[in-house]
Amino acid sequence: KIAKLLEDGKKDDASKEAKAVAKKYNFDGFKVGSLQILMRPFKTRGAKGYGIGEKPNMIKPDGIEAKIVDLGKKTLSPAKLKDEGAELKKAAYITLAIAEITGFSGPSKEDAKKKKKDWDMWTQEMKDSSLALAKALDAPKPDFKAILNSAKALDGSCTSCHTPFRPSS
């Protein structure tokens, strides 16, 4: 629902929904494992994630995180964009929706490694690069470099945040 609101340009409504979800599940970036449910959609279908596409393995790799990493490593071909673009755009908006919820799920306290300002910075980077990826995938004239660069930036924001905040298991 939040992804669709964002895609439709209803940012305020999406933000209200994201805040309600974060509150309902009591997400807390300081607590190890607190965001596992929130981050599960990024996994492959085999690991109970959303996958990409209407059917399993329609798009490979069949996981949002794995596909974002893949998109940031090599330029998408015009044929792949034609075949997968709509589903990749949905995945980008799902990622943006998760980033919106993440924004309301920051650490309740800080320590030497877990800083609220870092959380907020990486969350904003995740939002910006998710939106940039969605827009690049939907551009009337494909900008393959923008797709590559926004996916790379998105992966980088996730990786940066995971270092201090993701559980080691």
N, C-alpha and C. Protein backbone atom coordinates (compact mmCIF):
# COMPACT_ATOMS: atom_id res chain seq x y z
N LYS A 1 0.83 -1.19 0.00
CA LYS A 1 0.00 0.00 0.00
C LYS A 1 0.88 1.26 0.00
N ILE A 2 1.91 1.26 0.84
CA ILE A 2 2.79 2.43 0.93
C ILE A 2 3.53 2.63 -0.39
N ALA A 3 3.97 1.55 -1.00
CA ALA A 3 4.67 1.64 -2.29
C ALA A 3 3.77 2.27 -3.35
N LYS A 4 2.53 1.87 -3.38
CA LYS A 4 1.58 2.40 -4.37
C LYS A 4 1.31 3.89 -4.11
N LEU A 5 1.17 4.26 -2.84
CA LEU A 5 0.99 5.68 -2.52
C LEU A 5 2.19 6.50 -2.99
N LEU A 6 3.38 5.99 -2.77
CA LEU A 6 4.59 6.70 -3.21
C LEU A 6 4.65 6.80 -4.73
N GLU A 7 4.32 5.71 -5.39
CA GLU A 7 4.32 5.73 -6.85
C GLU A 7 3.31 6.74 -7.40
N ASP A 8 2.20 6.89 -6.69
CA ASP A 8 1.16 7.83 -7.11
C ASP A 8 1.44 9.27 -6.66
N GLY A 9 2.60 9.48 -6.01
CA GLY A 9 2.99 10.82 -5.60
C GLY A 9 2.32 11.30 -4.32
N LYS A 10 1.73 10.40 -3.56
CA LYS A 10 1.04 10.76 -2.32
C LYS A 10 1.97 10.55 -1.13
N LYS A 11 3.02 11.35 -1.09
CA LYS A 11 4.07 11.19 -0.08
C LYS A 11 3.56 11.37 1.35
N ASP A 12 2.70 12.36 1.57
CA ASP A 12 2.19 12.59 2.93
C ASP A 12 1.37 11.40 3.42
N ASP A 13 0.52 10.86 2.57
CA ASP A 13 -0.27 9.68 2.94
C ASP A 13 0.63 8.48 3.19
N ALA A 14 1.64 8.34 2.35
CA ALA A 14 2.59 7.23 2.52
C ALA A 14 3.35 7.37 3.84
N SER A 15 3.73 8.60 4.17
CA SER A 15 4.45 8.84 5.40
C SER A 15 3.60 8.50 6.62
N LYS A 16 2.32 8.85 6.60
CA LYS A 16 1.41 8.52 7.70
C LYS A 16 1.29 7.00 7.86
N GLU A 17 1.16 6.31 6.74
CA GLU A 17 1.06 4.84 6.78
C GLU A 17 2.36 4.23 7.30
N ALA A 18 3.50 4.76 6.85
CA ALA A 18 4.80 4.24 7.27
C ALA A 18 4.98 4.42 8.78
N LYS A 19 4.60 5.58 9.28
CA LYS A 19 4.70 5.85 10.71
C LYS A 19 3.83 4.87 11.50
N ALA A 20 2.64 4.60 11.02
CA ALA A 20 1.73 3.67 11.70
C ALA A 20 2.31 2.25 11.72
N VAL A 21 2.92 1.83 10.62
CA VAL A 21 3.52 0.49 10.56
C VAL A 21 4.69 0.40 11.54
N ALA A 22 5.55 1.41 11.55
CA ALA A 22 6.69 1.40 12.47
C ALA A 22 6.23 1.34 13.92
N LYS A 23 5.18 2.08 14.22
CA LYS A 23 4.66 2.08 15.59
C LYS A 23 4.02 0.74 15.94
N LYS A 24 3.24 0.20 15.01
CA LYS A 24 2.55 -1.08 15.25
C LYS A 24 3.54 -2.19 15.59
N TYR A 25 4.63 -2.25 14.85
CA TYR A 25 5.60 -3.33 15.04
C TYR A 25 6.73 -2.95 16.00
N ASN A 26 6.73 -1.70 16.49
CA ASN A 26 7.72 -1.25 17.45
C ASN A 26 9.15 -1.49 16.96
N PHE A 27 9.39 -1.18 15.70
CA PHE A 27 10.73 -1.32 15.14
C PHE A 27 11.69 -0.38 15.88
N ASP A 28 12.89 -0.84 16.12
CA ASP A 28 13.90 -0.04 16.82
C ASP A 28 15.27 -0.43 16.30
N GLY A 29 15.89 0.47 15.56
CA GLY A 29 17.19 0.19 14.96
C GLY A 29 18.28 -0.14 15.95
N PHE A 30 18.09 0.19 17.22
CA PHE A 30 19.11 -0.15 18.21
C PHE A 30 19.04 -1.62 18.62
N LYS A 31 17.84 -2.18 18.59
CA LYS A 31 17.64 -3.56 19.06
C LYS A 31 17.98 -4.56 17.95
N VAL A 32 18.92 -5.41 18.22
CA VAL A 32 19.35 -6.42 17.25
C VAL A 32 18.15 -7.28 16.85
N GLY A 33 17.92 -7.40 15.56
CA GLY A 33 16.86 -8.24 15.03
C GLY A 33 15.50 -7.58 14.96
N SER A 34 15.38 -6.35 15.45
CA SER A 34 14.10 -5.67 15.50
C SER A 34 13.49 -5.44 14.11
N LEU A 35 14.32 -5.27 13.12
CA LEU A 35 13.81 -4.95 11.79
C LEU A 35 13.79 -6.14 10.83
N GLN A 36 13.95 -7.34 11.34
CA GLN A 36 13.97 -8.51 10.46
C GLN A 36 12.70 -8.64 9.63
N ILE A 37 11.56 -8.41 10.25
CA ILE A 37 10.29 -8.50 9.52
C ILE A 37 10.23 -7.42 8.44
N LEU A 38 10.66 -6.22 8.78
CA LEU A 38 10.64 -5.12 7.82
C LEU A 38 11.54 -5.39 6.63
N MET A 39 12.68 -6.00 6.86
CA MET A 39 13.65 -6.23 5.80
C MET A 39 13.43 -7.53 5.02
N ARG A 40 12.54 -8.37 5.50
CA ARG A 40 12.29 -9.66 4.84
C ARG A 40 11.92 -9.54 3.36
N PRO A 41 11.14 -8.54 2.95
CA PRO A 41 10.79 -8.46 1.53
C PRO A 41 11.98 -8.43 0.58
N PHE A 42 13.15 -8.00 1.06
CA PHE A 42 14.33 -7.94 0.21
C PHE A 42 14.88 -9.32 -0.15
N LYS A 43 14.53 -10.32 0.63
CA LYS A 43 15.07 -11.66 0.41
C LYS A 43 14.44 -12.32 -0.82
N THR A 44 15.02 -13.42 -1.20
CA THR A 44 14.45 -14.19 -2.31
C THR A 44 13.15 -14.86 -1.86
N ARG A 45 12.37 -15.30 -2.81
CA ARG A 45 11.14 -16.02 -2.46
C ARG A 45 11.44 -17.25 -1.61
N GLY A 46 12.52 -17.94 -1.94
CA GLY A 46 12.91 -19.13 -1.19
C GLY A 46 13.19 -18.84 0.26
N ALA A 47 13.56 -17.61 0.57
CA ALA A 47 13.83 -17.19 1.95
C ALA A 47 12.67 -16.35 2.50
N LYS A 48 11.49 -16.53 1.89
CA LYS A 48 10.25 -15.86 2.31
C LYS A 48 10.22 -14.37 2.01
N GLY A 49 11.00 -13.95 1.01
CA GLY A 49 10.95 -12.56 0.57
C GLY A 49 9.91 -12.40 -0.51
N TYR A 50 9.80 -11.19 -1.03
CA TYR A 50 8.81 -10.90 -2.07
C TYR A 50 9.20 -11.46 -3.44
N GLY A 51 10.48 -11.52 -3.71
CA GLY A 51 10.90 -11.87 -5.06
C GLY A 51 10.61 -10.71 -5.99
N ILE A 52 10.84 -10.94 -7.27
CA ILE A 52 10.55 -9.93 -8.28
C ILE A 52 9.80 -10.61 -9.41
N GLY A 53 8.71 -10.01 -9.82
CA GLY A 53 7.90 -10.58 -10.89
C GLY A 53 6.72 -11.36 -10.32
N GLU A 54 5.78 -11.64 -11.21
CA GLU A 54 4.56 -12.33 -10.79
C GLU A 54 4.80 -13.79 -10.44
N LYS A 55 5.79 -14.39 -11.06
CA LYS A 55 6.07 -15.81 -10.85
C LYS A 55 7.50 -15.99 -10.36
N PRO A 56 7.74 -17.03 -9.56
CA PRO A 56 9.11 -17.30 -9.11
C PRO A 56 10.07 -17.44 -10.28
N ASN A 57 11.23 -16.86 -10.11
CA ASN A 57 12.31 -16.91 -11.10
C ASN A 57 11.96 -16.32 -12.46
N MET A 58 10.90 -15.53 -12.49
CA MET A 58 10.55 -14.80 -13.71
C MET A 58 11.69 -13.83 -14.04
N ILE A 59 12.24 -13.24 -12.98
CA ILE A 59 13.39 -12.35 -13.09
C ILE A 59 14.45 -12.90 -12.15
N LYS A 60 15.67 -12.96 -12.66
CA LYS A 60 16.76 -13.49 -11.83
C LYS A 60 17.80 -12.42 -11.62
N PRO A 61 18.37 -12.34 -10.44
CA PRO A 61 18.01 -13.11 -9.26
C PRO A 61 16.62 -12.73 -8.75
N ASP A 62 15.95 -13.68 -8.12
CA ASP A 62 14.57 -13.51 -7.70
C ASP A 62 14.48 -13.00 -6.25
N GLY A 63 15.12 -11.89 -6.02
CA GLY A 63 15.05 -11.23 -4.72
C GLY A 63 15.38 -9.76 -4.92
N ILE A 64 14.69 -8.89 -4.21
CA ILE A 64 14.88 -7.45 -4.41
C ILE A 64 16.32 -7.05 -4.11
N GLU A 65 16.84 -7.45 -2.96
CA GLU A 65 18.21 -7.07 -2.61
C GLU A 65 19.21 -7.60 -3.64
N ALA A 66 19.09 -8.86 -3.98
CA ALA A 66 20.03 -9.46 -4.94
C ALA A 66 19.94 -8.77 -6.30
N LYS A 67 18.75 -8.39 -6.70
CA LYS A 67 18.58 -7.73 -8.00
C LYS A 67 19.16 -6.31 -7.96
N ILE A 68 18.98 -5.61 -6.84
CA ILE A 68 19.56 -4.28 -6.71
C ILE A 68 21.09 -4.36 -6.80
N VAL A 69 21.66 -5.32 -6.10
CA VAL A 69 23.11 -5.52 -6.17
C VAL A 69 23.53 -5.79 -7.61
N ASP A 70 22.79 -6.66 -8.28
CA ASP A 70 23.06 -7.02 -9.67
C ASP A 70 22.97 -5.79 -10.59
N LEU A 71 21.93 -4.98 -10.40
CA LEU A 71 21.75 -3.78 -11.23
C LEU A 71 22.88 -2.77 -11.02
N GLY A 72 23.49 -2.79 -9.85
CA GLY A 72 24.58 -1.87 -9.56
C GLY A 72 25.94 -2.36 -10.04
N LYS A 73 25.99 -3.58 -10.55
CA LYS A 73 27.27 -4.14 -11.00
C LYS A 73 27.45 -4.08 -12.50
N LYS A 74 26.37 -4.20 -13.23
CA LYS A 74 26.49 -4.19 -14.70
C LYS A 74 25.29 -3.48 -15.31
N THR A 75 25.55 -2.84 -16.42
CA THR A 75 24.51 -2.07 -17.09
C THR A 75 23.41 -2.99 -17.60
N LEU A 76 22.19 -2.61 -17.31
CA LEU A 76 21.02 -3.34 -17.78
C LEU A 76 20.93 -3.19 -19.30
N SER A 77 20.62 -4.26 -19.98
CA SER A 77 20.48 -4.19 -21.43
C SER A 77 19.11 -3.63 -21.80
N PRO A 78 19.00 -3.05 -22.99
CA PRO A 78 17.69 -2.56 -23.44
C PRO A 78 16.63 -3.66 -23.44
N ALA A 79 16.99 -4.86 -23.84
CA ALA A 79 16.03 -5.97 -23.87
C ALA A 79 15.55 -6.32 -22.47
N LYS A 80 16.48 -6.35 -21.51
CA LYS A 80 16.11 -6.65 -20.11
C LYS A 80 15.22 -5.55 -19.55
N LEU A 81 15.53 -4.29 -19.88
CA LEU A 81 14.70 -3.19 -19.41
C LEU A 81 13.28 -3.34 -19.96
N LYS A 82 13.17 -3.70 -21.22
CA LYS A 82 11.84 -3.88 -21.82
C LYS A 82 11.09 -5.02 -21.13
N ASP A 83 11.77 -6.12 -20.87
CA ASP A 83 11.13 -7.30 -20.27
C ASP A 83 10.88 -7.15 -18.77
N GLU A 84 11.79 -6.49 -18.07
CA GLU A 84 11.76 -6.48 -16.60
C GLU A 84 11.48 -5.12 -15.99
N GLY A 85 11.48 -4.07 -16.80
CA GLY A 85 11.40 -2.71 -16.28
C GLY A 85 10.24 -2.45 -15.33
N ALA A 86 9.05 -2.88 -15.69
CA ALA A 86 7.88 -2.62 -14.85
C ALA A 86 8.01 -3.29 -13.48
N GLU A 87 8.51 -4.51 -13.47
CA GLU A 87 8.67 -5.23 -12.21
C GLU A 87 9.82 -4.66 -11.38
N LEU A 88 10.87 -4.21 -12.05
CA LEU A 88 11.98 -3.58 -11.34
C LEU A 88 11.53 -2.26 -10.73
N LYS A 89 10.69 -1.53 -11.43
CA LYS A 89 10.15 -0.28 -10.90
C LYS A 89 9.31 -0.56 -9.65
N LYS A 90 8.50 -1.61 -9.67
CA LYS A 90 7.72 -1.99 -8.48
C LYS A 90 8.66 -2.28 -7.31
N ALA A 91 9.73 -3.00 -7.59
CA ALA A 91 10.71 -3.33 -6.54
C ALA A 91 11.36 -2.06 -5.99
N ALA A 92 11.62 -1.08 -6.85
CA ALA A 92 12.20 0.18 -6.39
C ALA A 92 11.23 0.92 -5.47
N TYR A 93 9.94 0.90 -5.80
CA TYR A 93 8.95 1.56 -4.94
C TYR A 93 8.72 0.78 -3.64
N ILE A 94 8.82 -0.53 -3.69
CA ILE A 94 8.76 -1.32 -2.44
C ILE A 94 9.95 -0.93 -1.56
N THR A 95 11.11 -0.79 -2.16
CA THR A 95 12.30 -0.38 -1.42
C THR A 95 12.12 1.01 -0.83
N LEU A 96 11.53 1.91 -1.59
CA LEU A 96 11.26 3.25 -1.09
C LEU A 96 10.27 3.20 0.08
N ALA A 97 9.26 2.34 -0.02
CA ALA A 97 8.29 2.19 1.07
C ALA A 97 8.98 1.67 2.34
N ILE A 98 9.87 0.71 2.19
CA ILE A 98 10.60 0.19 3.34
C ILE A 98 11.49 1.29 3.93
N ALA A 99 12.07 2.11 3.07
CA ALA A 99 12.88 3.23 3.55
C ALA A 99 12.02 4.22 4.34
N GLU A 100 10.80 4.45 3.89
CA GLU A 100 9.89 5.34 4.62
C GLU A 100 9.63 4.80 6.03
N ILE A 101 9.36 3.52 6.12
CA ILE A 101 9.12 2.90 7.44
C ILE A 101 10.40 2.96 8.27
N THR A 102 11.53 2.69 7.64
CA THR A 102 12.82 2.73 8.32
C THR A 102 13.07 4.10 8.94
N GLY A 103 12.63 5.13 8.26
CA GLY A 103 12.79 6.49 8.78
C GLY A 103 12.14 6.69 10.14
N PHE A 104 11.10 5.94 10.42
CA PHE A 104 10.40 6.02 11.71
C PHE A 104 10.84 4.91 12.67
N SER A 105 11.90 4.23 12.33
CA SER A 105 12.35 3.06 13.10
C SER A 105 13.77 3.21 13.61
N GLY A 106 14.23 4.42 13.72
CA GLY A 106 15.60 4.67 14.14
C GLY A 106 15.89 4.17 15.54
N PRO A 107 17.15 4.19 15.90
CA PRO A 107 17.55 3.66 17.20
C PRO A 107 16.96 4.48 18.35
N SER A 108 16.47 3.77 19.37
CA SER A 108 15.89 4.43 20.54
C SER A 108 16.97 5.02 21.44
N LYS A 109 18.18 4.53 21.29
CA LYS A 109 19.32 5.07 22.01
C LYS A 109 20.55 4.90 21.14
N GLU A 110 21.67 5.39 21.59
CA GLU A 110 22.90 5.34 20.80
C GLU A 110 24.00 4.66 21.60
N ASP A 111 25.00 4.20 20.88
CA ASP A 111 26.25 3.75 21.50
C ASP A 111 27.38 4.20 20.58
N ALA A 112 28.57 3.68 20.81
CA ALA A 112 29.72 4.12 20.03
C ALA A 112 29.57 3.88 18.53
N LYS A 113 28.82 2.82 18.14
CA LYS A 113 28.69 2.48 16.72
C LYS A 113 27.33 2.89 16.14
N LYS A 114 26.30 2.87 16.93
CA LYS A 114 24.93 3.13 16.46
C LYS A 114 24.52 4.55 16.78
N LYS A 115 24.60 5.40 15.77
CA LYS A 115 24.28 6.82 15.92
C LYS A 115 23.02 7.16 15.12
N LYS A 116 22.13 7.92 15.75
CA LYS A 116 20.87 8.32 15.09
C LYS A 116 21.15 9.14 13.84
N LYS A 117 22.13 10.03 13.89
CA LYS A 117 22.42 10.86 12.71
C LYS A 117 22.86 9.99 11.53
N ASP A 118 23.60 8.92 11.79
CA ASP A 118 24.00 8.01 10.72
C ASP A 118 22.78 7.28 10.16
N TRP A 119 21.93 6.80 11.07
CA TRP A 119 20.69 6.12 10.65
C TRP A 119 19.89 7.02 9.71
N ASP A 120 19.69 8.25 10.15
CA ASP A 120 18.90 9.20 9.36
C ASP A 120 19.55 9.48 8.01
N MET A 121 20.87 9.62 8.00
CA MET A 121 21.59 9.89 6.75
C MET A 121 21.43 8.71 5.77
N TRP A 122 21.66 7.48 6.25
CA TRP A 122 21.57 6.32 5.37
C TRP A 122 20.13 6.06 4.94
N THR A 123 19.18 6.35 5.82
CA THR A 123 17.77 6.21 5.44
C THR A 123 17.43 7.19 4.32
N GLN A 124 17.90 8.43 4.45
CA GLN A 124 17.63 9.42 3.39
C GLN A 124 18.31 9.00 2.09
N GLU A 125 19.53 8.49 2.17
CA GLU A 125 20.21 8.00 0.96
C GLU A 125 19.42 6.85 0.33
N MET A 126 18.87 5.98 1.17
CA MET A 126 18.06 4.86 0.67
C MET A 126 16.82 5.39 -0.04
N LYS A 127 16.17 6.38 0.55
CA LYS A 127 14.99 6.99 -0.08
C LYS A 127 15.36 7.63 -1.42
N ASP A 128 16.41 8.45 -1.39
CA ASP A 128 16.80 9.17 -2.60
C ASP A 128 17.18 8.23 -3.74
N SER A 129 17.98 7.22 -3.42
CA SER A 129 18.43 6.32 -4.48
C SER A 129 17.32 5.37 -4.94
N SER A 130 16.40 5.01 -4.06
CA SER A 130 15.25 4.18 -4.47
C SER A 130 14.38 4.95 -5.45
N LEU A 131 14.11 6.21 -5.12
CA LEU A 131 13.30 7.04 -6.00
C LEU A 131 14.02 7.29 -7.32
N ALA A 132 15.31 7.54 -7.25
CA ALA A 132 16.09 7.75 -8.48
C ALA A 132 16.05 6.50 -9.36
N LEU A 133 16.15 5.34 -8.75
CA LEU A 133 16.09 4.09 -9.51
C LEU A 133 14.72 3.93 -10.16
N ALA A 134 13.66 4.16 -9.40
CA ALA A 134 12.30 4.04 -9.96
C ALA A 134 12.12 4.98 -11.14
N LYS A 135 12.57 6.21 -10.99
CA LYS A 135 12.42 7.20 -12.07
C LYS A 135 13.28 6.84 -13.28
N ALA A 136 14.49 6.36 -13.04
CA ALA A 136 15.36 5.97 -14.15
C ALA A 136 14.76 4.79 -14.92
N LEU A 137 14.15 3.86 -14.20
CA LEU A 137 13.54 2.70 -14.85
C LEU A 137 12.30 3.08 -15.65
N ASP A 138 11.67 4.19 -15.29
CA ASP A 138 10.43 4.62 -15.92
C ASP A 138 10.61 5.78 -16.90
N ALA A 139 11.84 6.19 -17.12
CA ALA A 139 12.10 7.35 -17.98
C ALA A 139 11.68 7.06 -19.42
N PRO A 140 11.11 8.06 -20.09
CA PRO A 140 10.69 7.85 -21.48
C PRO A 140 11.86 7.45 -22.39
N LYS A 141 13.02 8.07 -22.13
CA LYS A 141 14.23 7.70 -22.85
C LYS A 141 15.16 7.05 -21.84
N PRO A 142 15.39 5.75 -21.96
CA PRO A 142 16.18 5.04 -20.95
C PRO A 142 17.56 5.63 -20.72
N ASP A 143 17.89 5.79 -19.45
CA ASP A 143 19.22 6.26 -19.05
C ASP A 143 19.85 5.11 -18.27
N PHE A 144 20.53 4.25 -18.99
CA PHE A 144 21.09 3.04 -18.40
C PHE A 144 22.17 3.34 -17.35
N LYS A 145 22.88 4.43 -17.54
CA LYS A 145 23.88 4.82 -16.56
C LYS A 145 23.20 5.25 -15.25
N ALA A 146 22.07 5.95 -15.35
CA ALA A 146 21.33 6.38 -14.15
C ALA A 146 20.80 5.16 -13.40
N ILE A 147 20.36 4.14 -14.13
CA ILE A 147 19.89 2.90 -13.49
C ILE A 147 21.04 2.27 -12.72
N LEU A 148 22.17 2.12 -13.39
CA LEU A 148 23.36 1.53 -12.76
C LEU A 148 23.79 2.33 -11.53
N ASN A 149 23.90 3.63 -11.67
CA ASN A 149 24.40 4.47 -10.58
C ASN A 149 23.43 4.54 -9.40
N SER A 150 22.13 4.60 -9.67
CA SER A 150 21.17 4.66 -8.56
C SER A 150 21.11 3.32 -7.84
N ALA A 151 21.22 2.22 -8.56
CA ALA A 151 21.25 0.90 -7.91
C ALA A 151 22.51 0.75 -7.07
N LYS A 152 23.62 1.23 -7.59
CA LYS A 152 24.90 1.17 -6.85
C LYS A 152 24.81 2.02 -5.58
N ALA A 153 24.22 3.21 -5.68
CA ALA A 153 24.06 4.09 -4.51
C ALA A 153 23.12 3.47 -3.49
N LEU A 154 22.06 2.84 -3.97
CA LEU A 154 21.11 2.18 -3.07
C LEU A 154 21.79 1.04 -2.32
N ASP A 155 22.51 0.22 -3.03
CA ASP A 155 23.24 -0.87 -2.38
C ASP A 155 24.25 -0.32 -1.37
N GLY A 156 24.90 0.76 -1.72
CA GLY A 156 25.88 1.37 -0.81
C GLY A 156 25.25 1.89 0.46
N SER A 157 24.07 2.52 0.35
CA SER A 157 23.41 3.02 1.57
C SER A 157 23.00 1.87 2.47
N CYS A 158 22.53 0.79 1.89
CA CYS A 158 22.15 -0.39 2.68
C CYS A 158 23.38 -0.99 3.37
N THR A 159 24.43 -1.18 2.62
CA THR A 159 25.65 -1.78 3.16
C THR A 159 26.23 -0.92 4.28
N SER A 160 26.24 0.39 4.09
CA SER A 160 26.77 1.29 5.12
C SER A 160 25.99 1.16 6.42
N CYS A 161 24.68 1.09 6.31
CA CYS A 161 23.83 1.00 7.50
C CYS A 161 23.94 -0.37 8.16
N HIS A 162 24.05 -1.41 7.35
CA HIS A 162 24.13 -2.77 7.89
C HIS A 162 25.37 -2.96 8.77
N THR A 163 26.45 -2.29 8.45
CA THR A 163 27.68 -2.49 9.21
C THR A 163 27.47 -2.26 10.71
N PRO A 164 26.91 -1.12 11.12
CA PRO A 164 26.69 -0.97 12.56
C PRO A 164 25.35 -1.51 13.08
N PHE A 165 24.33 -1.56 12.23
CA PHE A 165 22.98 -1.82 12.74
C PHE A 165 22.45 -3.23 12.52
N ARG A 166 22.92 -3.95 11.55
CA ARG A 166 22.36 -5.28 11.29
C ARG A 166 22.98 -6.30 12.23
N PRO A 167 22.17 -7.24 12.70
CA PRO A 167 22.74 -8.28 13.56
C PRO A 167 23.78 -9.09 12.82
N SER A 168 24.73 -9.62 13.55
CA SER A 168 25.83 -10.36 12.94
C SER A 168 25.40 -11.75 12.47
N SER A 169 24.27 -12.23 12.95
CA SER A 169 23.82 -13.56 12.56
C SER A 169 23.09 -13.55 11.25
